[in-house]
Amino acid sequence: MHERAIPVVPLEELQRLAARNPHLLHERPWIVTGYIEEWPGYGSWQDLDFLRRRFGHLRAFAKAPNFVTNRKSRLVSVETSFAQYLDYMRDPGRAGAIYAGCWMEGDHDELVALGLPLYCGTLRIVHRADDGVFDELAPLVPPPIGDWNHALPYYFSLFNHFWLLVSLPGALTPLHRDNNGTIALIAQLQGRKRAVLYSPDDLPHIHNPDVGYLDPLDPDPADFPTWESAVQWTGDIEPGQVLFVGTRWAHHVRTIETSISVSYDFVNQTNLAAYAASQEWAEVLGNRIKRNPDLVAGRSALDPAEIDRSPPVALGRRVMAQVLRSAVAGGEDSETARIRRLYLTHLQSLMAETAEEPVEDARERVHREREGAAAAALEVMR
């Protein structure tokens, strides 16, 4: 097996490298030191009592493992609150009593047999780009990397892209790739986690369409006969460190010591096209409109019959394109407007290529947008 250590670099070194090569996060994973200690909330977010007071009321699910990405794996889950989950963390031996009547998949006996602790990995804190949480953890993405999430309509309402992760030793997030073509970071506030990553080029070795993803801790050659041909990147994330995971990199993360971490998915100039092309957000938006067509009544060229017959992904993309056209119609020259124009360019080109909008509209829009696409891209990247 080919194994490489994830490089650990100080922030200043990453910034120097990123200034020369904006795509470096997609070429290999990085562990970065020397910036989250300056977050205004760095100390308070390490305090479980503070987190209980702040977020204890939030409902969530706790699972073992965090989710399943191999069809042969088992899952045990409970419906919980964050405060109840913290009670479990203080005394995991009382899981049966704490979660009596709360089991959704499996039960306490199956949890014991599985040998994994419950992991509260679904806690949803952020719903808007201007949430005050971001002031406490700033900057989440340091310059010159930056993120454009604030400029993407519905980014935080269609998917959860910010997680507070509190876990016991052994808690597991199995090998997977993130939705929406995003870049991910895991900022470690307390304890230690161990990460295993594989590049998009190695997907054929670690993913079997009939089974799912490889378990790096227990590879099955029958299901993954070429797994040893993949390059396995490994590293431990220590307190004060941040792991960056590029678009479509598969990653597996296991808690080694009782842990508090923050995870964040983001989009910038290097992966905006991948985000525009991803089907996940478009399907969620399309299905949301199909369930409630009144959301676009009077604000869309789509009639009810067209909404009903359109596939969710195509519907989501068309509505997003209309939202973006409306947002940039005034000719504003702010950074947000420039990002949205570039997003619209990517989206319209994709829709034309996949015939997801009327041909006459596509021809006119693509001709108009192609003339300005190169200039818009250079303008946004300044």
Protein backbone atom coordinates (compact mmCIF):
# COMPACT_ATOMS: atom_id res chain seq x y z
CA MET A 1 0.00 0.00 0.00
CA HIS A 2 1.17 3.52 -0.80
CA GLU A 3 0.97 5.73 2.30
CA ARG A 4 1.82 9.40 2.67
CA ALA A 5 1.73 11.68 5.68
CA ILE A 6 -0.52 14.72 5.41
CA PRO A 7 1.85 17.70 5.48
CA VAL A 8 1.63 19.94 8.55
CA VAL A 9 2.46 23.58 7.81
CA PRO A 10 2.10 26.91 9.64
CA LEU A 11 -0.50 29.32 8.30
CA GLU A 12 2.14 31.64 6.85
CA GLU A 13 3.52 28.79 4.71
CA LEU A 14 0.06 27.81 3.45
CA GLN A 15 -0.69 31.44 2.59
CA ARG A 16 2.55 31.74 0.65
CA LEU A 17 1.82 28.54 -1.28
CA ALA A 18 -1.83 29.47 -1.92
CA ALA A 19 -0.84 32.86 -3.32
CA ARG A 20 1.23 31.06 -5.96
CA ASN A 21 -1.20 28.17 -6.51
CA PRO A 22 -4.86 28.78 -5.58
CA HIS A 23 -5.68 25.12 -6.35
CA LEU A 24 -3.28 23.59 -3.83
CA LEU A 25 -6.11 22.42 -1.51
CA HIS A 26 -7.36 20.17 -4.32
CA GLU A 27 -3.96 18.64 -5.01
CA ARG A 28 -3.31 17.23 -1.54
CA PRO A 29 -4.68 17.52 2.00
CA TRP A 30 -3.06 19.94 4.45
CA ILE A 31 -2.96 20.29 8.22
CA VAL A 32 -2.47 23.94 9.15
CA THR A 33 -1.31 25.41 12.45
CA GLY A 34 -1.26 28.90 13.90
CA TYR A 35 -4.55 30.64 13.29
CA ILE A 36 -7.58 29.24 15.12
CA GLU A 37 -6.04 30.07 18.51
CA GLU A 38 -6.81 33.71 17.60
CA TRP A 39 -10.53 33.09 17.15
CA PRO A 40 -12.56 35.24 19.60
CA GLY A 41 -14.43 32.09 20.69
CA TYR A 42 -11.51 29.67 20.73
CA GLY A 43 -11.46 29.33 24.53
CA SER A 44 -15.20 29.28 25.17
CA TRP A 45 -15.88 26.71 22.44
CA GLN A 46 -13.59 24.28 24.29
CA ASP A 47 -15.87 24.42 27.34
CA LEU A 48 -18.64 21.79 27.29
CA ASP A 49 -20.65 23.72 29.87
CA PHE A 50 -20.60 26.77 27.60
CA LEU A 51 -21.64 24.65 24.63
CA ARG A 52 -24.45 23.09 26.69
CA ARG A 53 -25.80 26.51 27.66
CA ARG A 54 -25.51 27.78 24.10
CA PHE A 55 -26.72 24.79 22.08
CA GLY A 56 -28.15 22.25 24.54
CA HIS A 57 -31.73 22.87 23.37
CA LEU A 58 -31.03 21.89 19.78
CA ARG A 59 -32.44 18.62 18.52
CA ALA A 60 -30.20 16.19 16.69
CA PHE A 61 -29.48 12.54 16.02
CA ALA A 62 -26.63 10.53 17.50
CA LYS A 63 -25.42 7.57 15.50
CA ALA A 64 -22.88 4.79 15.55
CA PRO A 65 -21.13 5.26 13.19
CA ASN A 66 -21.87 8.84 12.10
CA PHE A 67 -23.48 7.43 8.93
CA VAL A 68 -23.10 4.38 6.71
CA THR A 69 -21.27 4.38 3.36
CA ASN A 70 -20.87 0.61 2.92
CA ARG A 71 -23.96 -1.54 2.39
CA LYS A 72 -22.56 -4.24 4.64
CA SER A 73 -22.22 -1.89 7.61
CA ARG A 74 -24.70 -1.58 10.48
CA LEU A 75 -26.09 1.62 11.98
CA VAL A 76 -27.53 2.36 15.42
CA SER A 77 -29.16 5.74 16.06
CA VAL A 78 -31.17 7.73 18.58
CA GLU A 79 -33.12 10.97 18.45
CA THR A 80 -31.68 13.30 21.04
CA SER A 81 -30.95 16.85 22.11
CA PHE A 82 -27.41 18.16 22.38
CA ALA A 83 -27.81 18.46 26.18
CA GLN A 84 -28.93 14.83 26.41
CA TYR A 85 -26.01 13.79 24.24
CA LEU A 86 -23.60 15.56 26.59
CA ASP A 87 -25.16 13.59 29.46
CA TYR A 88 -24.37 10.44 27.49
CA MET A 89 -20.79 11.59 26.90
CA ARG A 90 -20.23 12.08 30.63
CA ASP A 91 -21.46 8.55 31.35
CA PRO A 92 -21.67 6.41 28.20
CA GLY A 93 -22.28 3.32 30.33
CA ARG A 94 -25.77 4.70 31.03
CA ALA A 95 -26.71 4.86 27.34
CA GLY A 96 -29.53 2.35 27.85
CA ALA A 97 -31.16 4.48 30.55
CA ILE A 98 -30.45 7.86 28.97
CA TYR A 99 -31.91 6.81 25.63
CA ALA A 100 -34.76 4.60 26.74
CA GLY A 101 -37.52 5.10 24.17
CA CYS A 102 -35.28 7.17 21.88
CA TRP A 103 -33.86 4.45 19.65
CA MET A 104 -34.57 4.89 15.95
CA GLU A 105 -32.37 2.26 14.30
CA GLY A 106 -31.25 -0.68 16.41
CA ASP A 107 -31.23 -0.61 20.21
CA HIS A 108 -28.88 -0.53 23.17
CA ASP A 109 -27.85 -4.17 22.80
CA GLU A 110 -26.92 -3.59 19.17
CA LEU A 111 -24.91 -0.51 20.17
CA VAL A 112 -22.92 -2.59 22.65
CA ALA A 113 -22.36 -5.32 20.05
CA LEU A 114 -21.25 -2.76 17.49
CA GLY A 115 -18.49 -1.51 19.79
CA LEU A 116 -18.70 2.14 18.70
CA PRO A 117 -19.85 5.16 20.72
CA LEU A 118 -22.75 7.27 19.56
CA TYR A 119 -21.68 10.33 17.57
CA CYS A 120 -23.74 13.52 17.43
CA GLY A 121 -22.77 14.57 13.91
CA THR A 122 -25.99 16.23 12.73
CA LEU A 123 -26.19 19.26 15.02
CA ARG A 124 -27.36 22.14 12.84
CA ILE A 125 -26.35 25.51 14.23
CA VAL A 126 -26.11 27.83 11.23
CA HIS A 127 -28.97 28.69 8.87
CA ARG A 128 -27.75 32.01 7.42
CA ALA A 129 -24.51 33.49 6.14
CA ASP A 130 -24.74 36.34 8.66
CA ASP A 131 -25.13 34.09 11.71
CA GLY A 132 -23.30 35.51 14.73
CA VAL A 133 -21.44 32.22 15.21
CA PHE A 134 -19.10 33.26 12.40
CA ASP A 135 -17.96 36.29 14.42
CA GLU A 136 -16.75 33.96 17.17
CA LEU A 137 -14.79 31.70 14.82
CA ALA A 138 -13.24 34.20 12.45
CA PRO A 139 -11.62 33.68 10.12
CA LEU A 140 -12.86 30.16 9.48
CA VAL A 141 -11.12 30.24 6.09
CA PRO A 142 -7.97 32.39 6.12
CA PRO A 143 -6.85 34.61 3.25
CA PRO A 144 -5.91 34.30 0.46
CA ILE A 145 -8.01 31.11 0.30
CA GLY A 146 -11.24 32.73 1.48
CA ASP A 147 -14.79 31.53 0.91
CA TRP A 148 -17.71 32.73 -1.19
CA ASN A 149 -20.50 31.03 0.73
CA HIS A 150 -22.13 34.36 1.61
CA ALA A 151 -22.78 35.09 -2.07
CA LEU A 152 -24.47 31.77 -2.92
CA PRO A 153 -28.29 31.95 -2.58
CA TYR A 154 -29.77 29.36 -0.18
CA TYR A 155 -26.32 27.91 0.58
CA PHE A 156 -27.03 27.43 4.28
CA SER A 157 -30.73 26.61 3.97
CA LEU A 158 -30.48 23.79 1.41
CA PHE A 159 -27.69 21.92 3.23
CA ASN A 160 -25.94 22.01 6.56
CA HIS A 161 -22.42 23.28 5.91
CA PHE A 162 -21.32 23.99 9.49
CA TRP A 163 -21.05 21.41 12.27
CA LEU A 164 -20.10 21.37 15.92
CA LEU A 165 -18.71 17.87 16.52
CA VAL A 166 -18.29 16.55 20.06
CA SER A 167 -17.27 12.90 20.31
CA LEU A 168 -15.87 10.11 22.47
CA PRO A 169 -12.82 8.00 21.60
CA GLY A 170 -13.69 5.54 18.85
CA ALA A 171 -16.41 7.71 17.28
CA LEU A 172 -16.28 7.18 13.55
CA THR A 173 -17.11 9.05 10.37
CA PRO A 174 -16.61 6.39 7.67
CA LEU A 175 -14.98 6.97 4.31
CA HIS A 176 -17.10 9.26 2.13
CA ARG A 177 -17.01 12.24 -0.23
CA ASP A 178 -18.82 15.46 0.63
CA ASN A 179 -21.86 16.77 -1.21
CA ASN A 180 -21.95 19.73 -3.57
CA GLY A 181 -18.31 19.80 -4.68
CA THR A 182 -17.28 21.77 -1.60
CA ILE A 183 -13.92 22.10 0.15
CA ALA A 184 -14.02 20.96 3.79
CA LEU A 185 -12.11 21.91 6.90
CA ILE A 186 -12.01 20.32 10.33
CA ALA A 187 -10.78 22.66 13.06
CA GLN A 188 -9.68 20.82 16.19
CA LEU A 189 -10.41 22.58 19.48
CA GLN A 190 -9.86 19.74 21.93
CA GLY A 191 -8.61 16.16 21.76
CA ARG A 192 -7.24 14.34 18.73
CA LYS A 193 -8.65 12.82 15.55
CA ARG A 194 -7.05 10.59 12.94
CA ALA A 195 -7.81 11.19 9.27
CA VAL A 196 -7.36 8.94 6.24
CA LEU A 197 -7.85 10.47 2.78
CA TYR A 198 -7.83 9.37 -0.86
CA SER A 199 -7.69 11.59 -3.93
CA PRO A 200 -10.43 11.66 -6.59
CA ASP A 201 -8.08 9.79 -8.92
CA ASP A 202 -8.11 6.81 -6.55
CA LEU A 203 -11.90 6.53 -6.39
CA PRO A 204 -11.98 3.33 -8.54
CA HIS A 205 -9.76 1.62 -5.95
CA ILE A 206 -11.72 2.61 -2.83
CA HIS A 207 -15.31 2.74 -4.09
CA ASN A 208 -17.34 -0.20 -5.37
CA PRO A 209 -20.69 0.91 -6.87
CA ASP A 210 -22.31 -2.33 -5.68
CA VAL A 211 -21.01 -2.07 -2.10
CA GLY A 212 -20.00 1.49 -1.28
CA TYR A 213 -16.77 2.79 0.21
CA LEU A 214 -13.75 0.93 1.57
CA ASP A 215 -13.17 0.61 5.31
CA PRO A 216 -9.50 1.70 5.59
CA LEU A 217 -9.25 0.02 8.99
CA ASP A 218 -10.47 -3.34 7.66
CA PRO A 219 -10.14 -3.53 3.86
CA ASP A 220 -12.01 -6.32 2.12
CA PRO A 221 -10.05 -7.42 -0.99
CA ALA A 222 -13.10 -9.29 -2.26
CA ASP A 223 -15.04 -6.03 -2.63
CA PHE A 224 -12.03 -3.78 -3.33
CA PRO A 225 -9.47 -5.91 -5.21
CA THR A 226 -7.23 -2.95 -6.14
CA TRP A 227 -7.39 -1.03 -2.85
CA GLU A 228 -3.64 -1.39 -2.30
CA SER A 229 -3.02 0.61 -5.49
CA ALA A 230 -4.52 3.73 -3.91
CA VAL A 231 -2.41 6.36 -2.17
CA GLN A 232 -3.53 6.67 1.45
CA TRP A 233 -2.90 10.06 3.07
CA THR A 234 -2.92 9.89 6.88
CA GLY A 235 -2.47 12.31 9.73
CA ASP A 236 -3.55 13.20 13.26
CA ILE A 237 -5.36 16.50 13.86
CA GLU A 238 -4.20 18.00 17.17
CA PRO A 239 -5.77 20.87 19.16
CA GLY A 240 -5.16 24.15 17.37
CA GLN A 241 -4.79 22.45 13.98
CA VAL A 242 -7.05 22.53 10.91
CA LEU A 243 -7.35 19.82 8.27
CA PHE A 244 -8.29 20.99 4.75
CA VAL A 245 -9.92 18.47 2.39
CA GLY A 246 -10.20 19.32 -1.31
CA THR A 247 -13.21 18.82 -3.56
CA ARG A 248 -14.20 15.16 -4.06
CA TRP A 249 -11.44 13.82 -1.81
CA ALA A 250 -12.70 10.80 0.15
CA HIS A 251 -12.04 11.05 3.88
CA HIS A 252 -12.40 8.83 6.95
CA VAL A 253 -12.08 10.38 10.42
CA ARG A 254 -11.85 8.59 13.77
CA THR A 255 -11.81 10.18 17.23
CA ILE A 256 -8.73 9.13 19.22
CA GLU A 257 -9.28 11.29 22.33
CA THR A 258 -12.47 12.95 23.58
CA SER A 259 -12.87 15.67 21.00
CA ILE A 260 -14.44 19.03 20.21
CA SER A 261 -14.11 20.22 16.64
CA VAL A 262 -15.80 22.46 14.12
CA SER A 263 -16.31 21.39 10.51
CA TYR A 264 -17.11 23.76 7.66
CA ASP A 265 -17.75 23.27 3.94
CA PHE A 266 -16.97 26.15 1.62
CA VAL A 267 -16.84 27.34 -1.97
CA ASN A 268 -14.36 29.76 -3.52
CA GLN A 269 -12.98 30.59 -6.98
CA THR A 270 -11.34 27.17 -7.29
CA ASN A 271 -14.50 25.07 -6.94
CA LEU A 272 -17.41 27.34 -7.86
CA ALA A 273 -17.82 25.47 -11.15
CA ALA A 274 -17.93 22.15 -9.27
CA TYR A 275 -20.55 23.55 -6.88
CA ALA A 276 -22.66 24.84 -9.79
CA ALA A 277 -22.48 21.43 -11.50
CA SER A 278 -23.28 19.35 -8.42
CA GLN A 279 -26.69 17.72 -8.36
CA GLU A 280 -27.24 17.55 -4.60
CA TRP A 281 -28.27 21.16 -3.87
CA ALA A 282 -30.27 21.30 -7.13
CA GLU A 283 -32.23 18.18 -6.23
CA VAL A 284 -33.04 19.50 -2.75
CA LEU A 285 -34.18 22.84 -4.17
CA GLY A 286 -36.18 21.18 -6.95
CA ASN A 287 -37.97 18.84 -4.55
CA ARG A 288 -38.69 21.72 -2.19
CA ILE A 289 -40.41 23.61 -5.02
CA LYS A 290 -42.32 20.53 -6.15
CA ARG A 291 -43.69 20.15 -2.61
CA ASN A 292 -44.59 23.81 -2.41
CA PRO A 293 -44.95 25.49 -5.84
CA ASP A 294 -46.16 28.65 -4.12
CA LEU A 295 -42.53 29.37 -3.25
CA VAL A 296 -41.99 30.58 -6.81
CA ALA A 297 -45.55 31.67 -7.67
CA GLY A 298 -45.45 35.06 -9.38
CA ARG A 299 -41.64 35.12 -9.29
CA SER A 300 -40.87 32.49 -11.91
CA ALA A 301 -41.58 31.83 -15.57
CA LEU A 302 -42.42 28.25 -14.65
CA ASP A 303 -46.08 27.25 -14.67
CA PRO A 304 -47.47 24.53 -12.35
CA ALA A 305 -47.52 21.91 -15.11
CA GLU A 306 -43.87 22.59 -15.93
CA ILE A 307 -42.92 22.32 -12.27
CA ASP A 308 -44.74 19.01 -12.02
CA ARG A 309 -43.07 17.39 -15.03
CA SER A 310 -39.53 18.75 -14.53
CA PRO A 311 -36.96 16.44 -12.91
CA PRO A 312 -35.93 17.87 -9.51
CA VAL A 313 -32.30 18.57 -10.51
CA ALA A 314 -33.28 20.42 -13.69
CA LEU A 315 -36.00 22.33 -11.82
CA GLY A 316 -33.59 23.35 -9.05
CA ARG A 317 -31.04 24.62 -11.53
CA ARG A 318 -33.59 26.63 -13.51
CA VAL A 319 -34.98 28.28 -10.41
CA MET A 320 -31.47 29.06 -9.10
CA ALA A 321 -30.58 30.61 -12.46
CA GLN A 322 -33.68 32.82 -12.24
CA VAL A 323 -32.78 33.85 -8.69
CA LEU A 324 -29.26 34.77 -9.80
CA ARG A 325 -30.48 36.72 -12.84
CA SER A 326 -32.78 38.72 -10.61
CA ALA A 327 -29.98 39.31 -8.08
CA VAL A 328 -27.59 40.77 -10.66
CA ALA A 329 -30.14 42.55 -12.85
CA GLY A 330 -29.30 45.97 -11.41
CA GLY A 331 -25.72 45.90 -12.64
CA GLU A 332 -24.23 46.27 -9.15
CA ASP A 333 -20.42 45.92 -9.09
CA SER A 334 -19.91 44.58 -5.55
CA GLU A 335 -17.91 41.44 -4.82
CA THR A 336 -21.14 39.55 -4.10
CA ALA A 337 -22.63 40.61 -7.45
CA ARG A 338 -19.47 39.60 -9.34
CA ILE A 339 -19.47 36.16 -7.68
CA ARG A 340 -23.15 35.67 -8.53
CA ARG A 341 -22.56 36.62 -12.16
CA LEU A 342 -19.78 34.07 -12.40
CA TYR A 343 -21.96 31.45 -10.68
CA LEU A 344 -24.74 32.22 -13.18
CA THR A 345 -22.30 31.81 -16.07
CA HIS A 346 -21.26 28.36 -14.88
CA LEU A 347 -24.86 27.33 -14.24
CA GLN A 348 -26.22 28.52 -17.59
CA SER A 349 -23.44 26.80 -19.54
CA LEU A 350 -24.18 23.58 -17.70
CA MET A 351 -27.92 23.89 -18.35
CA ALA A 352 -27.32 24.49 -22.04
CA GLU A 353 -25.01 21.49 -22.31
CA THR A 354 -27.51 19.23 -20.57
CA ALA A 355 -30.57 20.69 -22.32
CA GLU A 356 -32.16 21.67 -19.01
CA GLU A 357 -33.57 24.95 -20.35
CA PRO A 358 -35.43 25.81 -23.57
CA VAL A 359 -33.08 25.73 -26.56
CA GLU A 360 -33.84 29.26 -27.71
CA ASP A 361 -33.15 30.65 -24.21
CA ALA A 362 -29.96 28.64 -23.94
CA ARG A 363 -28.58 29.86 -27.26
CA GLU A 364 -29.19 33.49 -26.44
CA ARG A 365 -27.86 33.30 -22.90
CA VAL A 366 -24.78 31.20 -23.67
CA HIS A 367 -23.78 33.52 -26.52
CA ARG A 368 -24.17 36.55 -24.27
CA GLU A 369 -22.45 35.01 -21.25
CA ARG A 370 -19.52 33.42 -23.08
CA GLU A 371 -18.38 36.81 -24.30
CA GLY A 372 -18.02 38.04 -20.73
CA ALA A 373 -17.12 34.84 -18.89
CA ALA A 374 -13.34 35.16 -19.11
CA ALA A 375 -13.38 38.79 -18.06
CA ALA A 376 -15.81 38.05 -15.23
CA ALA A 377 -13.60 35.24 -13.93
CA LEU A 378 -10.53 37.46 -13.87
CA GLU A 379 -12.51 40.25 -12.21
CA VAL A 380 -13.81 38.02 -9.42
CA MET A 381 -10.40 36.52 -8.66
CA ARG A 382 -8.81 39.90 -7.95
